[in-house]
Amino acid sequence: VGNHLDKYSSANVTAVKFNGQSMVYLPQGVTKFFPNIFVYQLINTKTEFITRSNFEGMEKLKELVMSTNSFAQLPEDSFFDLVGLEVLNLSMNDISRLPDKIFSKLLALKKLFVDLNFLETWSKALLENNSELEVVDLQNNRLIKIDADSFSHLKKLHRLNLWINSCINAYFPMDFEFLEDLEKKLEQDCNKGCEGYALDLNRYIAEFN
């Protein structure tokens, strides 16, 4: 594909990047041309849909960046074949919910970015299998319900960003010395869900009037 320097071929390509090109769907069969990519970036491509087949043959992939696109929902099996993935960036999309098992095959995952989306709930099941996680960024969502024990099992976690959410505005470890402290905070402030917030709002309106 294209021209290469002497002695190099498509097999020597380790990173594929799309930035600014408009495509509603991701290209299929990328690894047929570039079998050894470790980094795959799709930034500001206006992509709306992905399927598991988009990542066929990418078991070697270490970093996947899909930021500043138009994803609203992702199929549960989207990343099931990315068994070696260490960094996943889904920042600045339109994601409103994530299926519980979407990250379940990413056993090597170390950094996860889902900031600047529209998530309202976060389930413990989402990160149940991701014990290698060191960084989780969920800032600037609309989280109103977070399972209190969502993060306490992540023993390697050293950065958890929950700034600018509806039920919490905090950053671990700066705002909390231990994850246990965070668990208590989540239990106290982020366990109501939509119905609980509606009740609080109605009570506030009644008192105000």
N, C-alpha and C. Protein backbone atom coordinates (compact mmCIF):
# COMPACT_ATOMS: atom_id res chain seq x y z
N VAL A 1 0.86 -1.19 0.00
CA VAL A 1 0.00 0.00 0.00
C VAL A 1 0.89 1.23 0.00
N GLY A 2 0.80 2.06 -1.04
CA GLY A 2 1.62 3.25 -1.10
C GLY A 2 3.08 2.93 -1.36
N ASN A 3 3.92 3.95 -1.25
CA ASN A 3 5.35 3.78 -1.48
C ASN A 3 6.09 3.70 -0.15
N HIS A 4 7.08 2.82 -0.10
CA HIS A 4 7.87 2.66 1.11
C HIS A 4 9.33 2.92 0.81
N LEU A 5 10.09 3.26 1.84
CA LEU A 5 11.52 3.40 1.70
C LEU A 5 12.14 2.05 1.37
N ASP A 6 13.35 2.08 0.83
CA ASP A 6 14.04 0.84 0.47
C ASP A 6 14.07 -0.13 1.64
N LYS A 7 13.84 -1.41 1.33
CA LYS A 7 13.90 -2.51 2.29
C LYS A 7 12.71 -2.53 3.25
N TYR A 8 11.76 -1.61 3.10
CA TYR A 8 10.59 -1.59 3.97
C TYR A 8 9.34 -1.94 3.18
N SER A 9 8.36 -2.47 3.89
CA SER A 9 7.10 -2.85 3.26
C SER A 9 5.96 -2.54 4.23
N SER A 10 4.74 -2.88 3.83
CA SER A 10 3.59 -2.66 4.70
C SER A 10 3.70 -3.44 6.00
N ALA A 11 4.46 -4.50 5.99
CA ALA A 11 4.64 -5.31 7.20
C ALA A 11 5.44 -4.57 8.26
N ASN A 12 6.15 -3.50 7.86
CA ASN A 12 6.94 -2.72 8.81
C ASN A 12 6.14 -1.59 9.46
N VAL A 13 4.93 -1.36 8.99
CA VAL A 13 4.09 -0.30 9.54
C VAL A 13 3.55 -0.72 10.90
N THR A 14 3.78 0.11 11.92
CA THR A 14 3.34 -0.23 13.28
C THR A 14 2.24 0.69 13.79
N ALA A 15 1.93 1.76 13.06
CA ALA A 15 0.88 2.69 13.50
C ALA A 15 0.06 3.14 12.29
N VAL A 16 -1.25 3.13 12.44
CA VAL A 16 -2.17 3.63 11.42
C VAL A 16 -3.02 4.72 12.07
N LYS A 17 -3.03 5.91 11.44
CA LYS A 17 -3.72 7.05 12.04
C LYS A 17 -4.61 7.74 11.00
N PHE A 18 -5.87 7.96 11.39
CA PHE A 18 -6.80 8.77 10.61
C PHE A 18 -7.16 9.97 11.48
N ASN A 19 -6.98 11.15 10.95
CA ASN A 19 -7.28 12.37 11.72
C ASN A 19 -7.95 13.38 10.81
N GLY A 20 -9.26 13.59 11.03
CA GLY A 20 -9.97 14.61 10.27
C GLY A 20 -10.67 14.09 9.03
N GLN A 21 -10.35 12.85 8.62
CA GLN A 21 -11.05 12.28 7.46
C GLN A 21 -12.46 11.86 7.89
N SER A 22 -13.45 12.21 7.11
CA SER A 22 -14.83 11.90 7.46
C SER A 22 -15.20 10.50 6.99
N MET A 23 -15.62 9.63 7.94
CA MET A 23 -16.08 8.29 7.58
C MET A 23 -17.07 7.80 8.62
N VAL A 24 -18.27 7.50 8.18
CA VAL A 24 -19.32 7.06 9.09
C VAL A 24 -18.98 5.69 9.65
N TYR A 25 -18.38 4.83 8.82
CA TYR A 25 -18.00 3.48 9.23
C TYR A 25 -16.48 3.34 9.18
N LEU A 26 -15.93 2.50 10.02
CA LEU A 26 -14.50 2.25 10.00
C LEU A 26 -14.14 1.31 8.85
N PRO A 27 -12.92 1.42 8.33
CA PRO A 27 -12.49 0.52 7.26
C PRO A 27 -12.36 -0.92 7.75
N GLN A 28 -12.68 -1.85 6.87
CA GLN A 28 -12.55 -3.27 7.18
C GLN A 28 -11.21 -3.79 6.65
N GLY A 29 -10.72 -4.84 7.28
CA GLY A 29 -9.55 -5.54 6.76
C GLY A 29 -8.24 -4.78 6.82
N VAL A 30 -8.09 -3.91 7.81
CA VAL A 30 -6.86 -3.10 7.92
C VAL A 30 -5.62 -3.98 8.04
N THR A 31 -5.73 -5.07 8.80
CA THR A 31 -4.55 -5.92 9.03
C THR A 31 -4.17 -6.77 7.82
N LYS A 32 -5.01 -6.80 6.81
CA LYS A 32 -4.61 -7.48 5.58
C LYS A 32 -3.49 -6.71 4.89
N PHE A 33 -3.50 -5.39 5.09
CA PHE A 33 -2.46 -4.53 4.52
C PHE A 33 -1.35 -4.24 5.51
N PHE A 34 -1.73 -4.09 6.80
CA PHE A 34 -0.75 -3.76 7.84
C PHE A 34 -0.88 -4.78 8.97
N PRO A 35 -0.23 -5.92 8.85
CA PRO A 35 -0.44 -7.02 9.81
C PRO A 35 0.21 -6.81 11.17
N ASN A 36 1.05 -5.78 11.31
CA ASN A 36 1.83 -5.64 12.54
C ASN A 36 1.62 -4.30 13.23
N ILE A 37 0.41 -3.75 13.15
CA ILE A 37 0.20 -2.46 13.79
C ILE A 37 0.00 -2.63 15.30
N PHE A 38 0.57 -1.69 16.03
CA PHE A 38 0.44 -1.64 17.49
C PHE A 38 -0.39 -0.45 17.95
N VAL A 39 -0.51 0.56 17.08
CA VAL A 39 -1.26 1.77 17.40
C VAL A 39 -2.26 2.05 16.28
N TYR A 40 -3.52 2.26 16.67
CA TYR A 40 -4.58 2.55 15.70
C TYR A 40 -5.34 3.75 16.22
N GLN A 41 -5.30 4.86 15.48
CA GLN A 41 -5.93 6.10 15.93
C GLN A 41 -6.96 6.57 14.91
N LEU A 42 -8.15 6.88 15.40
CA LEU A 42 -9.22 7.43 14.57
C LEU A 42 -9.78 8.64 15.31
N ILE A 43 -9.29 9.81 14.95
CA ILE A 43 -9.58 11.04 15.68
C ILE A 43 -10.33 12.01 14.79
N ASN A 44 -11.45 12.51 15.30
CA ASN A 44 -12.23 13.50 14.57
C ASN A 44 -12.60 13.02 13.16
N THR A 45 -13.09 11.78 13.09
CA THR A 45 -13.48 11.21 11.80
C THR A 45 -14.99 11.18 11.60
N LYS A 46 -15.75 11.65 12.62
CA LYS A 46 -17.21 11.65 12.57
C LYS A 46 -17.80 10.24 12.48
N THR A 47 -17.02 9.26 12.87
CA THR A 47 -17.49 7.88 12.81
C THR A 47 -18.61 7.65 13.81
N GLU A 48 -19.66 6.96 13.39
CA GLU A 48 -20.82 6.72 14.23
C GLU A 48 -20.97 5.27 14.66
N PHE A 49 -20.44 4.34 13.85
CA PHE A 49 -20.69 2.93 14.10
C PHE A 49 -19.41 2.12 14.03
N ILE A 50 -19.28 1.14 14.94
CA ILE A 50 -18.21 0.16 14.85
C ILE A 50 -18.80 -1.23 15.09
N THR A 51 -18.08 -2.23 14.61
CA THR A 51 -18.43 -3.62 14.89
C THR A 51 -17.16 -4.37 15.25
N ARG A 52 -17.32 -5.54 15.80
CA ARG A 52 -16.18 -6.37 16.15
C ARG A 52 -15.28 -6.64 14.95
N SER A 53 -15.89 -6.79 13.78
CA SER A 53 -15.12 -7.11 12.57
C SER A 53 -14.16 -6.00 12.16
N ASN A 54 -14.39 -4.76 12.64
CA ASN A 54 -13.47 -3.66 12.33
C ASN A 54 -12.08 -3.90 12.89
N PHE A 55 -11.97 -4.75 13.91
CA PHE A 55 -10.69 -4.97 14.58
C PHE A 55 -10.19 -6.41 14.39
N GLU A 56 -10.70 -7.04 13.36
CA GLU A 56 -10.29 -8.42 13.08
C GLU A 56 -8.78 -8.49 12.81
N GLY A 57 -8.11 -9.43 13.46
CA GLY A 57 -6.68 -9.62 13.26
C GLY A 57 -5.81 -8.66 14.04
N MET A 58 -6.37 -7.88 14.97
CA MET A 58 -5.59 -6.87 15.70
C MET A 58 -5.22 -7.32 17.11
N GLU A 59 -4.96 -8.60 17.27
CA GLU A 59 -4.60 -9.12 18.59
C GLU A 59 -3.33 -8.48 19.14
N LYS A 60 -2.46 -7.97 18.26
CA LYS A 60 -1.19 -7.34 18.69
C LYS A 60 -1.37 -5.88 19.11
N LEU A 61 -2.53 -5.31 18.84
CA LEU A 61 -2.74 -3.88 19.07
C LEU A 61 -2.54 -3.53 20.55
N LYS A 62 -1.78 -2.44 20.81
CA LYS A 62 -1.53 -1.97 22.17
C LYS A 62 -2.31 -0.70 22.50
N GLU A 63 -2.56 0.12 21.50
CA GLU A 63 -3.22 1.41 21.76
C GLU A 63 -4.30 1.67 20.71
N LEU A 64 -5.51 1.93 21.18
CA LEU A 64 -6.63 2.27 20.29
C LEU A 64 -7.21 3.60 20.74
N VAL A 65 -7.16 4.59 19.86
CA VAL A 65 -7.68 5.93 20.15
C VAL A 65 -8.84 6.21 19.19
N MET A 66 -10.04 6.43 19.76
CA MET A 66 -11.21 6.74 18.94
C MET A 66 -11.90 7.97 19.53
N SER A 67 -11.17 9.03 19.69
CA SER A 67 -11.68 10.24 20.34
C SER A 67 -12.24 11.23 19.33
N THR A 68 -13.13 12.10 19.82
CA THR A 68 -13.71 13.18 19.01
C THR A 68 -14.42 12.61 17.78
N ASN A 69 -15.31 11.66 18.04
CA ASN A 69 -16.12 11.09 16.98
C ASN A 69 -17.59 11.22 17.36
N SER A 70 -18.44 10.36 16.80
CA SER A 70 -19.88 10.49 17.02
C SER A 70 -20.50 9.19 17.51
N PHE A 71 -19.72 8.38 18.24
CA PHE A 71 -20.27 7.14 18.78
C PHE A 71 -21.29 7.45 19.87
N ALA A 72 -22.47 6.86 19.76
CA ALA A 72 -23.48 7.00 20.81
C ALA A 72 -23.59 5.70 21.60
N GLN A 73 -23.53 4.58 20.89
CA GLN A 73 -23.57 3.27 21.52
C GLN A 73 -22.55 2.36 20.86
N LEU A 74 -22.00 1.44 21.65
CA LEU A 74 -21.00 0.50 21.15
C LEU A 74 -21.48 -0.92 21.40
N PRO A 75 -21.39 -1.80 20.41
CA PRO A 75 -21.77 -3.20 20.63
C PRO A 75 -20.94 -3.84 21.73
N GLU A 76 -21.54 -4.75 22.48
CA GLU A 76 -20.86 -5.35 23.62
C GLU A 76 -19.59 -6.08 23.23
N ASP A 77 -19.55 -6.66 22.03
CA ASP A 77 -18.38 -7.44 21.61
C ASP A 77 -17.37 -6.63 20.79
N SER A 78 -17.51 -5.31 20.79
CA SER A 78 -16.66 -4.45 19.94
C SER A 78 -15.18 -4.76 20.07
N PHE A 79 -14.70 -4.95 21.31
CA PHE A 79 -13.26 -5.06 21.56
C PHE A 79 -12.84 -6.47 21.98
N PHE A 80 -13.67 -7.45 21.74
CA PHE A 80 -13.41 -8.80 22.24
C PHE A 80 -12.12 -9.41 21.68
N ASP A 81 -11.68 -8.98 20.51
CA ASP A 81 -10.48 -9.57 19.90
C ASP A 81 -9.19 -8.82 20.23
N LEU A 82 -9.30 -7.71 20.95
CA LEU A 82 -8.12 -6.88 21.24
C LEU A 82 -7.49 -7.31 22.56
N VAL A 83 -7.07 -8.55 22.60
CA VAL A 83 -6.63 -9.16 23.87
C VAL A 83 -5.33 -8.57 24.41
N GLY A 84 -4.56 -7.88 23.57
CA GLY A 84 -3.30 -7.29 24.02
C GLY A 84 -3.39 -5.80 24.29
N LEU A 85 -4.59 -5.23 24.18
CA LEU A 85 -4.74 -3.78 24.27
C LEU A 85 -4.39 -3.26 25.66
N GLU A 86 -3.59 -2.18 25.70
CA GLU A 86 -3.18 -1.57 26.97
C GLU A 86 -3.77 -0.18 27.17
N VAL A 87 -4.09 0.52 26.08
CA VAL A 87 -4.64 1.87 26.16
C VAL A 87 -5.87 1.95 25.26
N LEU A 88 -7.00 2.40 25.84
CA LEU A 88 -8.23 2.60 25.08
C LEU A 88 -8.76 4.00 25.36
N ASN A 89 -8.90 4.79 24.31
CA ASN A 89 -9.35 6.18 24.45
C ASN A 89 -10.65 6.37 23.67
N LEU A 90 -11.73 6.61 24.42
CA LEU A 90 -13.05 6.85 23.82
C LEU A 90 -13.54 8.27 24.15
N SER A 91 -12.62 9.17 24.40
CA SER A 91 -12.96 10.53 24.82
C SER A 91 -13.75 11.29 23.75
N MET A 92 -14.59 12.21 24.22
CA MET A 92 -15.28 13.18 23.36
C MET A 92 -16.10 12.49 22.27
N ASN A 93 -17.01 11.63 22.73
CA ASN A 93 -17.99 11.04 21.83
C ASN A 93 -19.38 11.36 22.37
N ASP A 94 -20.38 10.59 21.95
CA ASP A 94 -21.75 10.80 22.41
C ASP A 94 -22.26 9.57 23.16
N ILE A 95 -21.37 8.87 23.83
CA ILE A 95 -21.71 7.60 24.47
C ILE A 95 -22.58 7.85 25.71
N SER A 96 -23.77 7.24 25.72
CA SER A 96 -24.68 7.42 26.84
C SER A 96 -24.74 6.19 27.75
N ARG A 97 -24.35 5.04 27.25
CA ARG A 97 -24.28 3.83 28.08
C ARG A 97 -23.26 2.87 27.50
N LEU A 98 -22.73 2.02 28.38
CA LEU A 98 -21.77 1.00 27.97
C LEU A 98 -22.29 -0.37 28.41
N PRO A 99 -22.28 -1.36 27.52
CA PRO A 99 -22.68 -2.71 27.91
C PRO A 99 -21.73 -3.26 28.98
N ASP A 100 -22.26 -4.03 29.91
CA ASP A 100 -21.48 -4.49 31.06
C ASP A 100 -20.22 -5.26 30.67
N LYS A 101 -20.23 -5.99 29.57
CA LYS A 101 -19.11 -6.86 29.21
C LYS A 101 -18.19 -6.27 28.15
N ILE A 102 -18.36 -5.00 27.83
CA ILE A 102 -17.63 -4.44 26.70
C ILE A 102 -16.11 -4.47 26.88
N PHE A 103 -15.62 -4.37 28.13
CA PHE A 103 -14.18 -4.39 28.39
C PHE A 103 -13.71 -5.75 28.93
N SER A 104 -14.57 -6.73 28.95
CA SER A 104 -14.31 -7.98 29.68
C SER A 104 -13.15 -8.80 29.12
N LYS A 105 -12.82 -8.63 27.84
CA LYS A 105 -11.72 -9.40 27.24
C LYS A 105 -10.39 -8.64 27.25
N LEU A 106 -10.42 -7.40 27.74
CA LEU A 106 -9.22 -6.55 27.71
C LEU A 106 -8.42 -6.74 29.00
N LEU A 107 -7.89 -7.93 29.17
CA LEU A 107 -7.22 -8.28 30.43
C LEU A 107 -5.92 -7.53 30.64
N ALA A 108 -5.33 -7.01 29.57
CA ALA A 108 -4.05 -6.29 29.67
C ALA A 108 -4.24 -4.77 29.77
N LEU A 109 -5.49 -4.31 29.79
CA LEU A 109 -5.76 -2.88 29.74
C LEU A 109 -5.19 -2.14 30.96
N LYS A 110 -4.44 -1.06 30.68
CA LYS A 110 -3.82 -0.26 31.74
C LYS A 110 -4.41 1.15 31.84
N LYS A 111 -4.86 1.70 30.71
CA LYS A 111 -5.38 3.06 30.72
C LYS A 111 -6.69 3.12 29.93
N LEU A 112 -7.73 3.68 30.57
CA LEU A 112 -9.03 3.78 29.96
C LEU A 112 -9.54 5.22 30.07
N PHE A 113 -9.89 5.79 28.93
CA PHE A 113 -10.40 7.17 28.89
C PHE A 113 -11.80 7.17 28.26
N VAL A 114 -12.80 7.53 29.06
CA VAL A 114 -14.17 7.66 28.55
C VAL A 114 -14.71 9.03 28.97
N ASP A 115 -13.84 10.00 29.08
CA ASP A 115 -14.22 11.35 29.50
C ASP A 115 -14.95 12.10 28.38
N LEU A 116 -15.68 13.14 28.79
CA LEU A 116 -16.38 14.01 27.84
C LEU A 116 -17.36 13.22 26.98
N ASN A 117 -18.19 12.41 27.66
CA ASN A 117 -19.28 11.70 27.02
C ASN A 117 -20.58 12.02 27.77
N PHE A 118 -21.57 11.14 27.66
CA PHE A 118 -22.88 11.42 28.27
C PHE A 118 -23.33 10.26 29.15
N LEU A 119 -22.39 9.58 29.77
CA LEU A 119 -22.72 8.45 30.63
C LEU A 119 -23.48 8.92 31.87
N GLU A 120 -24.52 8.19 32.24
CA GLU A 120 -25.29 8.50 33.45
C GLU A 120 -25.10 7.45 34.53
N THR A 121 -24.74 6.23 34.15
CA THR A 121 -24.54 5.16 35.13
C THR A 121 -23.22 4.44 34.85
N TRP A 122 -22.66 3.86 35.94
CA TRP A 122 -21.43 3.08 35.82
C TRP A 122 -21.58 1.83 36.68
N SER A 123 -21.49 0.67 36.04
CA SER A 123 -21.70 -0.60 36.72
C SER A 123 -20.37 -1.23 37.13
N LYS A 124 -20.36 -1.89 38.28
CA LYS A 124 -19.18 -2.62 38.73
C LYS A 124 -18.73 -3.63 37.69
N ALA A 125 -19.69 -4.22 36.97
CA ALA A 125 -19.38 -5.26 35.99
C ALA A 125 -18.49 -4.77 34.86
N LEU A 126 -18.48 -3.46 34.61
CA LEU A 126 -17.72 -2.92 33.49
C LEU A 126 -16.22 -3.22 33.59
N LEU A 127 -15.67 -3.16 34.81
CA LEU A 127 -14.22 -3.33 34.98
C LEU A 127 -13.87 -4.57 35.81
N GLU A 128 -14.79 -5.50 35.86
CA GLU A 128 -14.61 -6.68 36.70
C GLU A 128 -13.36 -7.48 36.35
N ASN A 129 -13.00 -7.52 35.06
CA ASN A 129 -11.88 -8.35 34.60
C ASN A 129 -10.61 -7.56 34.31
N ASN A 130 -10.58 -6.29 34.69
CA ASN A 130 -9.48 -5.42 34.26
C ASN A 130 -8.55 -5.05 35.41
N SER A 131 -7.97 -6.05 36.01
CA SER A 131 -7.15 -5.85 37.22
C SER A 131 -5.84 -5.12 36.97
N GLU A 132 -5.43 -4.96 35.70
CA GLU A 132 -4.18 -4.26 35.38
C GLU A 132 -4.37 -2.75 35.24
N LEU A 133 -5.58 -2.27 35.38
CA LEU A 133 -5.84 -0.84 35.16
C LEU A 133 -5.07 0.05 36.13
N GLU A 134 -4.45 1.07 35.57
CA GLU A 134 -3.72 2.07 36.36
C GLU A 134 -4.38 3.45 36.29
N VAL A 135 -5.05 3.71 35.17
CA VAL A 135 -5.67 5.02 34.95
C VAL A 135 -7.09 4.82 34.41
N VAL A 136 -8.06 5.50 35.04
CA VAL A 136 -9.44 5.51 34.54
C VAL A 136 -9.91 6.96 34.57
N ASP A 137 -10.32 7.48 33.42
CA ASP A 137 -10.76 8.87 33.32
C ASP A 137 -12.22 8.91 32.88
N LEU A 138 -13.09 9.36 33.80
CA LEU A 138 -14.53 9.47 33.53
C LEU A 138 -15.03 10.90 33.74
N GLN A 139 -14.13 11.85 33.69
CA GLN A 139 -14.54 13.23 33.96
C GLN A 139 -15.47 13.75 32.86
N ASN A 140 -16.25 14.76 33.23
CA ASN A 140 -17.14 15.43 32.27
C ASN A 140 -18.12 14.47 31.61
N ASN A 141 -18.78 13.65 32.43
CA ASN A 141 -19.92 12.88 31.98
C ASN A 141 -21.15 13.40 32.72
N ARG A 142 -22.19 12.57 32.81
CA ARG A 142 -23.40 12.96 33.54
C ARG A 142 -23.73 11.90 34.59
N LEU A 143 -22.72 11.34 35.18
CA LEU A 143 -22.92 10.21 36.08
C LEU A 143 -23.76 10.59 37.29
N ILE A 144 -24.86 9.86 37.46
CA ILE A 144 -25.70 10.04 38.64
C ILE A 144 -25.76 8.78 39.48
N LYS A 145 -25.30 7.66 38.93
CA LYS A 145 -25.27 6.41 39.69
C LYS A 145 -23.99 5.65 39.35
N ILE A 146 -23.20 5.36 40.38
CA ILE A 146 -21.96 4.60 40.24
C ILE A 146 -21.97 3.51 41.30
N ASP A 147 -21.85 2.27 40.89
CA ASP A 147 -21.75 1.20 41.89
C ASP A 147 -20.56 1.48 42.80
N ALA A 148 -20.80 1.48 44.10
CA ALA A 148 -19.79 1.91 45.07
C ALA A 148 -18.50 1.11 44.98
N ASP A 149 -18.60 -0.18 44.68
CA ASP A 149 -17.41 -1.04 44.63
C ASP A 149 -16.88 -1.22 43.21
N SER A 150 -17.13 -0.26 42.35
CA SER A 150 -16.68 -0.35 40.96
C SER A 150 -15.17 -0.36 40.80
N PHE A 151 -14.45 0.27 41.74
CA PHE A 151 -13.01 0.48 41.55
C PHE A 151 -12.16 -0.12 42.66
N SER A 152 -12.76 -0.55 43.75
CA SER A 152 -11.99 -0.97 44.92
C SER A 152 -11.14 -2.22 44.68
N HIS A 153 -11.46 -3.01 43.66
CA HIS A 153 -10.69 -4.22 43.36
C HIS A 153 -9.49 -3.93 42.46
N LEU A 154 -9.36 -2.70 41.99
CA LEU A 154 -8.28 -2.35 41.05
C LEU A 154 -7.05 -1.92 41.85
N LYS A 155 -6.26 -2.89 42.24
CA LYS A 155 -5.14 -2.64 43.16
C LYS A 155 -4.00 -1.83 42.54
N LYS A 156 -3.93 -1.77 41.21
CA LYS A 156 -2.87 -1.01 40.56
C LYS A 156 -3.31 0.40 40.16
N LEU A 157 -4.56 0.72 40.45
CA LEU A 157 -5.10 2.02 40.06
C LEU A 157 -4.42 3.15 40.83
N HIS A 158 -3.88 4.13 40.11
CA HIS A 158 -3.27 5.28 40.78
C HIS A 158 -3.84 6.60 40.29
N ARG A 159 -4.79 6.53 39.33
CA ARG A 159 -5.45 7.77 38.90
C ARG A 159 -6.87 7.45 38.47
N LEU A 160 -7.82 8.07 39.14
CA LEU A 160 -9.23 7.92 38.82
C LEU A 160 -9.86 9.31 38.80
N ASN A 161 -10.28 9.74 37.62
CA ASN A 161 -10.79 11.10 37.47
C ASN A 161 -12.31 11.06 37.33
N LEU A 162 -13.00 11.59 38.35
CA LEU A 162 -14.46 11.68 38.35
C LEU A 162 -14.94 13.12 38.41
N TRP A 163 -14.08 14.03 38.03
CA TRP A 163 -14.44 15.44 38.06
C TRP A 163 -15.63 15.75 37.16
N ILE A 164 -16.42 16.71 37.60
CA ILE A 164 -17.52 17.29 36.81
C ILE A 164 -18.50 16.21 36.36
N ASN A 165 -19.05 15.51 37.35
CA ASN A 165 -20.17 14.61 37.12
C ASN A 165 -21.33 15.04 38.02
N SER A 166 -22.51 14.51 37.76
CA SER A 166 -23.69 14.97 38.48
C SER A 166 -23.67 14.62 39.96
N CYS A 167 -23.17 13.40 40.28
CA CYS A 167 -23.22 12.99 41.69
C CYS A 167 -21.88 13.13 42.40
N ILE A 168 -20.82 13.42 41.66
CA ILE A 168 -19.50 13.51 42.29
C ILE A 168 -18.58 14.39 41.46
N ASN A 169 -17.69 15.08 42.16
CA ASN A 169 -16.69 15.91 41.51
C ASN A 169 -15.39 15.68 42.27
N ALA A 170 -14.71 14.60 41.92
CA ALA A 170 -13.57 14.16 42.74
C ALA A 170 -12.51 13.50 41.87
N TYR A 171 -11.31 13.42 42.46
CA TYR A 171 -10.15 12.88 41.76
C TYR A 171 -9.36 12.03 42.75
N PHE A 172 -9.16 10.77 42.43
CA PHE A 172 -8.35 9.89 43.28
C PHE A 172 -6.95 9.82 42.69
N PRO A 173 -5.89 9.99 43.51
CA PRO A 173 -5.89 9.98 44.97
C PRO A 173 -5.92 11.35 45.64
N MET A 174 -6.00 12.42 44.87
CA MET A 174 -5.88 13.75 45.49
C MET A 174 -6.99 13.99 46.52
N ASP A 175 -8.23 13.64 46.18
CA ASP A 175 -9.36 13.90 47.07
C ASP A 175 -9.60 12.78 48.09
N PHE A 176 -8.95 11.64 47.88
CA PHE A 176 -9.14 10.49 48.77
C PHE A 176 -7.81 9.79 48.98
N GLU A 177 -7.52 9.44 50.23
CA GLU A 177 -6.26 8.77 50.53
C GLU A 177 -6.30 7.32 50.10
N PHE A 178 -7.46 6.68 50.25
CA PHE A 178 -7.60 5.27 49.90
C PHE A 178 -8.85 5.07 49.08
N LEU A 179 -8.84 4.02 48.26
CA LEU A 179 -10.02 3.70 47.47
C LEU A 179 -11.22 3.37 48.35
N GLU A 180 -10.94 2.89 49.57
CA GLU A 180 -12.04 2.61 50.50
C GLU A 180 -12.81 3.89 50.84
N ASP A 181 -12.08 5.01 50.96
CA ASP A 181 -12.74 6.28 51.22
C ASP A 181 -13.63 6.68 50.05
N LEU A 182 -13.14 6.43 48.85
CA LEU A 182 -13.92 6.74 47.66
C LEU A 182 -15.18 5.88 47.62
N GLU A 183 -15.05 4.62 47.99
CA GLU A 183 -16.21 3.72 48.00
C GLU A 183 -17.32 4.26 48.91
N LYS A 184 -16.93 4.77 50.06
CA LYS A 184 -17.91 5.35 50.99
C LYS A 184 -18.58 6.58 50.37
N LYS A 185 -17.79 7.39 49.68
CA LYS A 185 -18.32 8.59 49.03
C LYS A 185 -19.32 8.21 47.94
N LEU A 186 -18.99 7.19 47.16
CA LEU A 186 -19.89 6.75 46.10
C LEU A 186 -21.17 6.17 46.67
N GLU A 187 -21.03 5.42 47.75
CA GLU A 187 -22.20 4.83 48.39
C GLU A 187 -23.14 5.93 48.90
N GLN A 188 -22.55 6.99 49.38
CA GLN A 188 -23.33 8.08 49.96
C GLN A 188 -23.99 8.96 48.89
N ASP A 189 -23.25 9.28 47.82
CA ASP A 189 -23.71 10.30 46.89
C ASP A 189 -24.15 9.80 45.52
N CYS A 190 -23.77 8.57 45.17
CA CYS A 190 -23.98 8.12 43.80
C CYS A 190 -24.75 6.81 43.71
N ASN A 191 -25.67 6.59 44.61
CA ASN A 191 -26.42 5.33 44.60
C ASN A 191 -27.91 5.52 44.39
N LYS A 192 -28.32 6.72 43.98
CA LYS A 192 -29.75 7.02 43.87
C LYS A 192 -30.32 6.68 42.50
N GLY A 193 -29.57 6.96 41.45
CA GLY A 193 -30.09 6.75 40.11
C GLY A 193 -31.10 7.83 39.73
N CYS A 194 -31.72 7.65 38.59
CA CYS A 194 -32.62 8.67 38.05
C CYS A 194 -33.81 8.93 38.98
N GLU A 195 -34.38 7.86 39.53
CA GLU A 195 -35.56 8.03 40.37
C GLU A 195 -35.24 8.82 41.63
N GLY A 196 -34.08 8.52 42.23
CA GLY A 196 -33.67 9.23 43.43
C GLY A 196 -33.44 10.71 43.16
N TYR A 197 -32.82 11.03 42.02
CA TYR A 197 -32.61 12.43 41.69
C TYR A 197 -33.91 13.15 41.39
N ALA A 198 -34.86 12.44 40.78
CA ALA A 198 -36.16 13.04 40.51
C ALA A 198 -36.88 13.37 41.82
N LEU A 199 -36.79 12.46 42.81
CA LEU A 199 -37.40 12.71 44.11
C LEU A 199 -36.76 13.90 44.79
N ASP A 200 -35.42 13.98 44.75
CA ASP A 200 -34.72 15.10 45.37
C ASP A 200 -35.12 16.42 44.71
N LEU A 201 -35.23 16.39 43.38
CA LEU A 201 -35.59 17.61 42.64
C LEU A 201 -37.01 18.04 42.98
N ASN A 202 -37.91 17.08 43.04
CA ASN A 202 -39.30 17.41 43.38
C ASN A 202 -39.40 17.97 44.79
N ARG A 203 -38.61 17.39 45.71
CA ARG A 203 -38.62 17.87 47.10
C ARG A 203 -38.08 19.32 47.15
N TYR A 204 -37.04 19.57 46.37
CA TYR A 204 -36.45 20.91 46.34
C TYR A 204 -37.45 21.93 45.78
N ILE A 205 -38.14 21.55 44.70
CA ILE A 205 -39.12 22.44 44.09
C ILE A 205 -40.26 22.74 45.07
N ALA A 206 -40.70 21.69 45.78
CA ALA A 206 -41.79 21.86 46.75
C ALA A 206 -41.38 22.81 47.87
N GLU A 207 -40.13 22.64 48.36
CA GLU A 207 -39.63 23.51 49.43
C GLU A 207 -39.48 24.94 48.94
N PHE A 208 -39.01 25.10 47.69
CA PHE A 208 -38.76 26.42 47.13
C PHE A 208 -40.07 27.19 46.98
N ASN A 209 -41.13 26.44 46.60
CA ASN A 209 -42.43 27.10 46.40
C ASN A 209 -43.15 27.32 47.74
